[in-house]
C-alpha atoms as a PDB file:
ATOM      1  CA  UNK A   1     -31.092  27.603 -62.868  1.00  0.00           C
ATOM      2  CA  UNK A   2     -32.973  25.823 -60.112  1.00  0.00           C
ATOM      3  CA  UNK A   3     -32.203  27.164 -56.687  1.00  0.00           C
ATOM      4  CA  UNK A   4     -31.675  24.067 -54.123  1.00  0.00           C
ATOM      5  CA  UNK A   5     -32.691  24.300 -50.594  1.00  0.00           C
ATOM      6  CA  UNK A   6     -30.467  22.425 -48.384  1.00  0.00           C
ATOM      7  CA  UNK A   7     -32.011  21.860 -44.964  1.00  0.00           C
ATOM      8  CA  UNK A   8     -29.382  20.888 -42.185  1.00  0.00           C
ATOM      9  CA  UNK A   9     -30.612  19.090 -39.462  1.00  0.00           C
ATOM     10  CA  UNK A  10     -30.316  20.063 -36.069  1.00  0.00           C
ATOM     11  CA  UNK A  11     -27.673  18.768 -33.810  1.00  0.00           C
ATOM     12  CA  UNK A  12     -28.031  15.917 -31.990  1.00  0.00           C
ATOM     13  CA  UNK A  13     -26.240  16.705 -28.781  1.00  0.00           C
ATOM     14  CA  UNK A  14     -28.914  19.799 -28.452  1.00  0.00           C
ATOM     15  CA  UNK A  15     -31.641  18.740 -25.921  1.00  0.00           C
ATOM     16  CA  UNK A  16     -34.244  21.017 -24.476  1.00  0.00           C
ATOM     17  CA  UNK A  17     -34.178  22.199 -20.999  1.00  0.00           C
ATOM     18  CA  UNK A  18     -36.268  20.000 -18.786  1.00  0.00           C
ATOM     19  CA  UNK A  19     -36.308  17.485 -15.967  1.00  0.00           C
ATOM     20  CA  UNK A  20     -33.512  15.036 -15.976  1.00  0.00           C
ATOM     21  CA  UNK A  21     -34.547  11.888 -14.093  1.00  0.00           C
ATOM     22  CA  UNK A  22     -31.007  10.434 -14.703  1.00  0.00           C
ATOM     23  CA  UNK A  23     -29.200  13.841 -12.872  1.00  0.00           C
ATOM     24  CA  UNK A  24     -31.312  13.096 -10.233  1.00  0.00           C
ATOM     25  CA  UNK A  25     -31.264   9.654  -9.908  1.00  0.00           C
ATOM     26  CA  UNK A  26     -27.082   9.942  -9.760  1.00  0.00           C
ATOM     27  CA  UNK A  27     -27.272  13.393  -7.323  1.00  0.00           C
ATOM     28  CA  UNK A  28     -29.291  10.909  -4.745  1.00  0.00           C
ATOM     29  CA  UNK A  29     -26.985   8.174  -5.157  1.00  0.00           C
ATOM     30  CA  UNK A  30     -23.895   9.989  -4.780  1.00  0.00           C
ATOM     31  CA  UNK A  31     -25.232  12.107  -1.838  1.00  0.00           C
ATOM     32  CA  UNK A  32     -26.079   8.901  -0.139  1.00  0.00           C
ATOM     33  CA  UNK A  33     -22.772   7.237  -1.043  1.00  0.00           C
ATOM     34  CA  UNK A  34     -21.202   9.916   0.685  1.00  0.00           C
ATOM     35  CA  UNK A  35     -23.163  10.171   3.864  1.00  0.00           C
ATOM     36  CA  UNK A  36     -22.547   6.389   3.851  1.00  0.00           C
ATOM     37  CA  UNK A  37     -19.214   6.549   3.988  1.00  0.00           C
ATOM     38  CA  UNK A  38     -18.410   9.585   5.910  1.00  0.00           C
ATOM     39  CA  UNK A  39     -21.094   8.310   8.993  1.00  0.00           C
ATOM     40  CA  UNK A  40     -18.887   5.001   8.593  1.00  0.00           C
ATOM     41  CA  UNK A  41     -15.440   6.802   9.167  1.00  0.00           C
ATOM     42  CA  UNK A  42     -16.734   9.079  12.090  1.00  0.00           C
ATOM     43  CA  UNK A  43     -18.105   6.224  13.602  1.00  0.00           C
ATOM     44  CA  UNK A  44     -14.523   4.091  13.281  1.00  0.00           C
ATOM     45  CA  UNK A  45     -12.600   6.913  14.665  1.00  0.00           C
ATOM     46  CA  UNK A  46     -15.215   7.810  17.522  1.00  0.00           C
ATOM     47  CA  UNK A  47     -14.755   4.251  18.447  1.00  0.00           C
ATOM     48  CA  UNK A  48     -10.912   4.006  18.398  1.00  0.00           C
ATOM     49  CA  UNK A  49     -10.846   7.595  20.041  1.00  0.00           C
ATOM     50  CA  UNK A  50     -13.583   5.876  22.988  1.00  0.00           C
ATOM     51  CA  UNK A  51     -11.138   2.792  23.460  1.00  0.00           C
ATOM     52  CA  UNK A  52      -7.917   4.543  23.965  1.00  0.00           C
ATOM     53  CA  UNK A  53      -4.488   3.349  23.489  1.00  0.00           C
ATOM     54  CA  UNK A  54      -3.396   0.474  24.506  1.00  0.00           C
ATOM     55  CA  UNK A  55       0.227   1.606  25.513  1.00  0.00           C
ATOM     56  CA  UNK A  56      -0.472   1.101  29.010  1.00  0.00           C
ATOM     57  CA  UNK A  57      -2.133  -1.886  29.022  1.00  0.00           C
ATOM     58  CA  UNK A  58       0.907  -3.864  28.303  1.00  0.00           C
ATOM     59  CA  UNK A  59       1.840  -5.960  31.499  1.00  0.00           C
ATOM     60  CA  UNK A  60       5.348  -4.078  32.028  1.00  0.00           C
ATOM     61  CA  UNK A  61       3.423  -0.908  32.461  1.00  0.00           C
ATOM     62  CA  UNK A  62       0.657  -2.314  35.136  1.00  0.00           C
ATOM     63  CA  UNK A  63       2.370  -0.305  37.600  1.00  0.00           C
ATOM     64  CA  UNK A  64       1.132   2.775  36.259  1.00  0.00           C
ATOM     65  CA  UNK A  65      -2.716   1.737  36.432  1.00  0.00           C
ATOM     66  CA  UNK A  66      -2.849   2.873  39.980  1.00  0.00           C
ATOM     67  CA  UNK A  67      -2.238   6.336  39.096  1.00  0.00           C
ATOM     68  CA  UNK A  68      -4.796   6.702  36.359  1.00  0.00           C
ATOM     69  CA  UNK A  69      -7.998   8.214  37.107  1.00  0.00           C
ATOM     70  CA  UNK A  70     -11.178   5.927  37.794  1.00  0.00           C
ATOM     71  CA  UNK A  71     -13.158   8.451  35.199  1.00  0.00           C
ATOM     72  CA  UNK A  72     -11.007   8.914  33.022  1.00  0.00           C
ATOM     73  CA  UNK A  73     -12.292   6.163  30.438  1.00  0.00           C
ATOM     74  CA  UNK A  74     -15.688   7.753  31.321  1.00  0.00           C
ATOM     75  CA  UNK A  75     -14.585  10.825  30.130  1.00  0.00           C
ATOM     76  CA  UNK A  76     -12.691   9.786  27.000  1.00  0.00           C
ATOM     77  CA  UNK A  77     -15.936   8.215  25.908  1.00  0.00           C
ATOM     78  CA  UNK A  78     -18.033  11.104  26.441  1.00  0.00           C
ATOM     79  CA  UNK A  79     -15.797  13.305  24.496  1.00  0.00           C
ATOM     80  CA  UNK A  80     -15.600  10.719  21.452  1.00  0.00           C
ATOM     81  CA  UNK A  81     -19.390  10.181  21.359  1.00  0.00           C
ATOM     82  CA  UNK A  82     -19.963  14.450  21.567  1.00  0.00           C
ATOM     83  CA  UNK A  83     -17.024  15.074  18.620  1.00  0.00           C
ATOM     84  CA  UNK A  84     -18.331  12.116  16.967  1.00  0.00           C
ATOM     85  CA  UNK A  85     -22.386  13.300  16.848  1.00  0.00           C
ATOM     86  CA  UNK A  86     -21.453  16.984  16.017  1.00  0.00           C
ATOM     87  CA  UNK A  87     -19.185  15.477  13.041  1.00  0.00           C
ATOM     88  CA  UNK A  88     -22.031  13.477  12.505  1.00  0.00           C
ATOM     89  CA  UNK A  89     -24.597  16.472  12.200  1.00  0.00           C
ATOM     90  CA  UNK A  90     -22.413  19.206  10.207  1.00  0.00           C
ATOM     91  CA  UNK A  91     -21.384  16.082   7.644  1.00  0.00           C
ATOM     92  CA  UNK A  92     -25.146  15.246   7.204  1.00  0.00           C
ATOM     93  CA  UNK A  93     -26.268  18.900   6.726  1.00  0.00           C
ATOM     94  CA  UNK A  94     -23.556  19.577   4.583  1.00  0.00           C
ATOM     95  CA  UNK A  95     -24.403  16.523   2.015  1.00  0.00           C
ATOM     96  CA  UNK A  96     -28.209  17.150   2.268  1.00  0.00           C
ATOM     97  CA  UNK A  97     -28.251  20.797   1.317  1.00  0.00           C
ATOM     98  CA  UNK A  98     -25.688  19.914  -1.732  1.00  0.00           C
ATOM     99  CA  UNK A  99     -27.752  16.951  -2.743  1.00  0.00           C
ATOM    100  CA  UNK A 100     -30.616  19.285  -2.955  1.00  0.00           C
ATOM    101  CA  UNK A 101     -29.424  21.859  -4.837  1.00  0.00           C
ATOM    102  CA  UNK A 102     -28.263  19.542  -7.284  1.00  0.00           C
ATOM    103  CA  UNK A 103     -31.463  17.665  -7.479  1.00  0.00           C
ATOM    104  CA  UNK A 104     -33.525  21.539  -7.992  1.00  0.00           C
ATOM    105  CA  UNK A 105     -30.921  22.101 -10.711  1.00  0.00           C
ATOM    106  CA  UNK A 106     -31.704  18.673 -12.323  1.00  0.00           C
ATOM    107  CA  UNK A 107     -35.251  19.530 -11.934  1.00  0.00           C
ATOM    108  CA  UNK A 108     -34.612  23.211 -13.917  1.00  0.00           C
ATOM    109  CA  UNK A 109     -35.623  25.214 -10.987  1.00  0.00           C
ATOM    110  CA  UNK A 110     -33.513  28.470 -10.714  1.00  0.00           C
ATOM    111  CA  UNK A 111     -32.123  28.274  -6.969  1.00  0.00           C
ATOM    112  CA  UNK A 112     -30.363  31.464  -7.062  1.00  0.00           C
ATOM    113  CA  UNK A 113     -33.771  33.685  -5.395  1.00  0.00           C
ATOM    114  CA  UNK A 114     -34.078  30.106  -3.302  1.00  0.00           C
ATOM    115  CA  UNK A 115     -30.593  30.728  -1.801  1.00  0.00           C
ATOM    116  CA  UNK A 116     -30.999  34.373  -1.401  1.00  0.00           C
ATOM    117  CA  UNK A 117     -34.155  33.757   1.417  1.00  0.00           C
ATOM    118  CA  UNK A 118     -32.374  30.825   2.880  1.00  0.00           C
ATOM    119  CA  UNK A 119     -29.299  33.181   3.360  1.00  0.00           C
ATOM    120  CA  UNK A 120     -31.919  36.135   4.697  1.00  0.00           C
ATOM    121  CA  UNK A 121     -33.897  33.357   6.846  1.00  0.00           C
ATOM    122  CA  UNK A 122     -30.529  31.758   8.195  1.00  0.00           C
ATOM    123  CA  UNK A 123     -29.416  35.663   9.220  1.00  0.00           C
ATOM    124  CA  UNK A 124     -32.573  35.956  11.245  1.00  0.00           C
ATOM    125  CA  UNK A 125     -32.369  32.993  12.838  1.00  0.00           C
ATOM    126  CA  UNK A 126     -29.014  33.867  14.089  1.00  0.00           C
ATOM    127  CA  UNK A 127     -29.745  36.984  15.141  1.00  0.00           C
ATOM    128  CA  UNK A 128     -32.458  35.384  17.063  1.00  0.00           C
ATOM    129  CA  UNK A 129     -30.646  32.452  18.323  1.00  0.00           C
ATOM    130  CA  UNK A 130     -27.453  33.941  19.881  1.00  0.00           C
ATOM    131  CA  UNK A 131     -27.874  32.653  23.425  1.00  0.00           C
ATOM    132  CA  UNK A 132     -28.680  29.126  22.285  1.00  0.00           C
ATOM    133  CA  UNK A 133     -25.848  29.106  19.395  1.00  0.00           C
ATOM    134  CA  UNK A 134     -23.379  30.522  22.279  1.00  0.00           C
ATOM    135  CA  UNK A 135     -23.860  27.886  24.838  1.00  0.00           C
ATOM    136  CA  UNK A 136     -23.506  24.847  21.571  1.00  0.00           C
ATOM    137  CA  UNK A 137     -20.058  26.571  21.139  1.00  0.00           C
ATOM    138  CA  UNK A 138     -19.515  27.014  24.732  1.00  0.00           C
ATOM    139  CA  UNK A 139     -19.805  23.635  25.212  1.00  0.00           C
ATOM    140  CA  UNK A 140     -18.158  22.220  22.357  1.00  0.00           C
ATOM    141  CA  UNK A 141     -14.614  23.912  23.487  1.00  0.00           C
ATOM    142  CA  UNK A 142     -15.796  22.850  27.193  1.00  0.00           C
ATOM    143  CA  UNK A 143     -15.909  19.059  25.531  1.00  0.00           C
ATOM    144  CA  UNK A 144     -12.794  19.264  23.421  1.00  0.00           C
ATOM    145  CA  UNK A 145     -10.500  21.004  26.269  1.00  0.00           C
ATOM    146  CA  UNK A 146     -11.828  18.695  28.988  1.00  0.00           C
ATOM    147  CA  UNK A 147     -12.143  21.495  31.442  1.00  0.00           C
ATOM    148  CA  UNK A 148     -13.824  19.447  33.109  1.00  0.00           C
ATOM    149  CA  UNK A 149     -15.752  16.258  33.450  1.00  0.00           C
ATOM    150  CA  UNK A 150     -18.243  14.196  35.178  1.00  0.00           C
ATOM    151  CA  UNK A 151     -17.168  13.361  38.501  1.00  0.00           C
ATOM    152  CA  UNK A 152     -15.101  16.490  38.896  1.00  0.00           C
ATOM    153  CA  UNK A 153     -15.753  19.086  41.944  1.00  0.00           C
ATOM    154  CA  UNK A 154     -16.266  22.425  40.487  1.00  0.00           C
ATOM    155  CA  UNK A 155     -16.478  25.740  41.542  1.00  0.00           C
ATOM    156  CA  UNK A 156     -18.586  28.334  39.736  1.00  0.00           C
ATOM    157  CA  UNK A 157     -19.442  31.812  40.381  1.00  0.00           C
ATOM    158  CA  UNK A 158     -23.332  30.229  41.463  1.00  0.00           C
ATOM    159  CA  UNK A 159     -22.367  27.002  42.679  1.00  0.00           C
ATOM    160  CA  UNK A 160     -19.722  24.472  44.283  1.00  0.00           C
ATOM    161  CA  UNK A 161     -20.538  20.840  43.455  1.00  0.00           C
ATOM    162  CA  UNK A 162     -20.257  17.767  41.560  1.00  0.00           C
ATOM    163  CA  UNK A 163     -20.760  17.954  37.964  1.00  0.00           C
ATOM    164  CA  UNK A 164     -23.354  14.812  37.233  1.00  0.00           C
ATOM    165  CA  UNK A 165     -23.870  15.306  33.340  1.00  0.00           C
ATOM    166  CA  UNK A 166     -22.786  17.147  30.869  1.00  0.00           C
ATOM    167  CA  UNK A 167     -24.561  18.327  27.693  1.00  0.00           C
ATOM    168  CA  UNK A 168     -23.577  20.884  24.044  1.00  0.00           C
ATOM    169  CA  UNK A 169     -26.048  23.217  25.917  1.00  0.00           C
ATOM    170  CA  UNK A 170     -26.687  22.432  29.830  1.00  0.00           C
ATOM    171  CA  UNK A 171     -23.954  21.183  32.317  1.00  0.00           C
ATOM    172  CA  UNK A 172     -25.986  19.561  35.434  1.00  0.00           C
ATOM    173  CA  UNK A 173     -24.246  19.914  38.792  1.00  0.00           C
ATOM    174  CA  UNK A 174     -24.897  18.780  42.225  1.00  0.00           C
ATOM    175  CA  UNK A 175     -24.093  20.917  45.081  1.00  0.00           C
ATOM    176  CA  UNK A 176     -23.225  20.720  48.543  1.00  0.00           C
ATOM    177  CA  UNK A 177     -26.648  20.656  49.961  1.00  0.00           C
ATOM    178  CA  UNK A 178     -28.320  18.599  47.451  1.00  0.00           C
ATOM    179  CA  UNK A 179     -29.507  20.906  45.022  1.00  0.00           C
ATOM    180  CA  UNK A 180     -29.229  19.968  41.756  1.00  0.00           C
ATOM    181  CA  UNK A 181     -27.995  22.980  39.662  1.00  0.00           C
ATOM    182  CA  UNK A 182     -28.766  23.513  35.447  1.00  0.00           C
ATOM    183  CA  UNK A 183     -25.990  25.656  34.390  1.00  0.00           C
ATOM    184  CA  UNK A 184     -25.961  26.961  30.635  1.00  0.00           C
ATOM    185  CA  UNK A 185     -22.268  26.584  29.198  1.00  0.00           C
ATOM    186  CA  UNK A 186     -22.610  30.058  27.812  1.00  0.00           C
ATOM    187  CA  UNK A 187     -23.209  31.538  30.608  1.00  0.00           C
ATOM    188  CA  UNK A 188     -20.043  29.685  32.326  1.00  0.00           C
ATOM    189  CA  UNK A 189     -17.591  32.602  32.488  1.00  0.00           C
ATOM    190  CA  UNK A 190     -14.920  31.196  34.969  1.00  0.00           C
ATOM    191  CA  UNK A 191     -14.549  27.968  36.542  1.00  0.00           C
ATOM    192  CA  UNK A 192     -12.128  26.395  38.960  1.00  0.00           C
ATOM    193  CA  UNK A 193     -11.365  22.366  38.671  1.00  0.00           C
ATOM    194  CA  UNK A 194     -10.735  21.077  42.651  1.00  0.00           C
ATOM    195  CA  UNK A 195     -10.346  17.616  40.932  1.00  0.00           C
ATOM    196  CA  UNK A 196      -7.288  18.771  38.816  1.00  0.00           C
ATOM    197  CA  UNK A 197      -4.098  19.887  40.403  1.00  0.00           C
ATOM    198  CA  UNK A 198      -3.687  19.748  44.125  1.00  0.00           C
ATOM    199  CA  UNK A 199      -6.452  21.436  45.927  1.00  0.00           C
ATOM    200  CA  UNK A 200      -6.145  22.501  49.460  1.00  0.00           C
ATOM    201  CA  UNK A 201      -9.346  23.768  51.390  1.00  0.00           C
ATOM    202  CA  UNK A 202      -9.167  26.816  53.089  1.00  0.00           C
ATOM    203  CA  UNK A 203     -10.405  26.271  56.769  1.00  0.00           C
ATOM    204  CA  UNK A 204     -13.694  28.386  57.694  1.00  0.00           C
ATOM    205  CA  UNK A 205     -12.472  29.513  60.962  1.00  0.00           C
ATOM    206  CA  UNK A 206      -9.638  29.572  63.263  1.00  0.00           C
ATOM    207  CA  UNK A 207      -8.452  26.675  65.711  1.00  0.00           C
ATOM    208  CA  UNK A 208      -9.613  27.495  69.529  1.00  0.00           C
ATOM    209  CA  UNK A 209      -6.867  28.282  71.836  1.00  0.00           C
ATOM    210  CA  UNK A 210      -4.438  30.468  72.984  1.00  0.00           C
ATOM    211  CA  UNK A 211      -3.855  31.888  69.832  1.00  0.00           C
ATOM    212  CA  UNK A 212      -7.465  32.705  69.032  1.00  0.00           C
ATOM    213  CA  UNK A 213      -7.841  34.583  72.671  1.00  0.00           C
ATOM    214  CA  UNK A 214      -4.923  36.787  71.689  1.00  0.00           C
ATOM    215  CA  UNK A 215      -7.122  37.838  68.764  1.00  0.00           C
ATOM    216  CA  UNK A 216     -10.146  38.599  70.470  1.00  0.00           C
ATOM    217  CA  UNK A 217     -11.410  41.765  70.434  1.00  0.00           C
ATOM    218  CA  UNK A 218     -11.228  44.095  73.690  1.00  0.00           C
ATOM    219  CA  UNK A 219     -14.452  45.107  73.623  1.00  0.00           C
ATOM    220  CA  UNK A 220     -15.342  41.206  74.050  1.00  0.00           C
ATOM    221  CA  UNK A 221     -12.869  41.148  77.396  1.00  0.00           C
ATOM    222  CA  UNK A 222     -14.105  43.786  78.783  1.00  0.00           C
ATOM    223  CA  UNK A 223     -17.803  42.651  78.499  1.00  0.00           C
ATOM    224  CA  UNK A 224     -16.423  39.871  80.320  1.00  0.00           C
ATOM    225  CA  UNK A 225     -14.921  41.203  82.916  1.00  0.00           C
ATOM    226  CA  UNK A 226     -17.945  43.257  83.757  1.00  0.00           C
ATOM    227  CA  UNK A 227     -20.351  40.369  83.697  1.00  0.00           C
ATOM    228  CA  UNK A 228     -17.817  38.497  86.309  1.00  0.00           C
ATOM    229  CA  UNK A 229     -17.696  41.678  88.696  1.00  0.00           C
ATOM    230  CA  UNK A 230     -21.725  41.895  88.362  1.00  0.00           C
ATOM    231  CA  UNK A 231     -21.829  38.551  89.227  1.00  0.00           C
ATOM    232  CA  UNK A 232     -19.678  38.654  92.446  1.00  0.00           C
END
């Protein structure tokens, strides 16, 4: 009796672990395609928001034009560009991180220790750049909420002046004496916008006249009388 040895060939589907050129190419292609599509969509939305609505541009609404503020278009463009650049940055970072992760996996690299190191580094940077992050977040909310814009007269705890430029970190204000102030958005705890609402300036000194004489201190009156007697 002869014993036969059956040799079973390895399955065709099993492949050794290693670099996958096809996977790398697909990951890069998909990442670039997603980034291009997202950038195009954000750009179109930003342009439409900056252009504004055409509702009040119709002929029978021309009487509303004088009531619209002259700087509305500039402020709308600024908000649209700020939000658009912010969205582009967020989408770019997300797409880049996800694409790099897939590329490293196709290179047969264990990304778990790398993710741990990146997380620790992110926490350290977050603690070190708290003020910078605070300024950026404050600038984003100031822009989105339209608290003030270019050309507005604002009043803060430090200065009263006209807003000349706005950024996500710094607001530049020209004060009444001509000085240029650079205010960090995270340090603007409260702000009054004199260009919004009905601002009424408060008189610095009471008007001169009979009423002013009534409120004059008695010591000043006695001093005047004494001087008159000395002169006589």
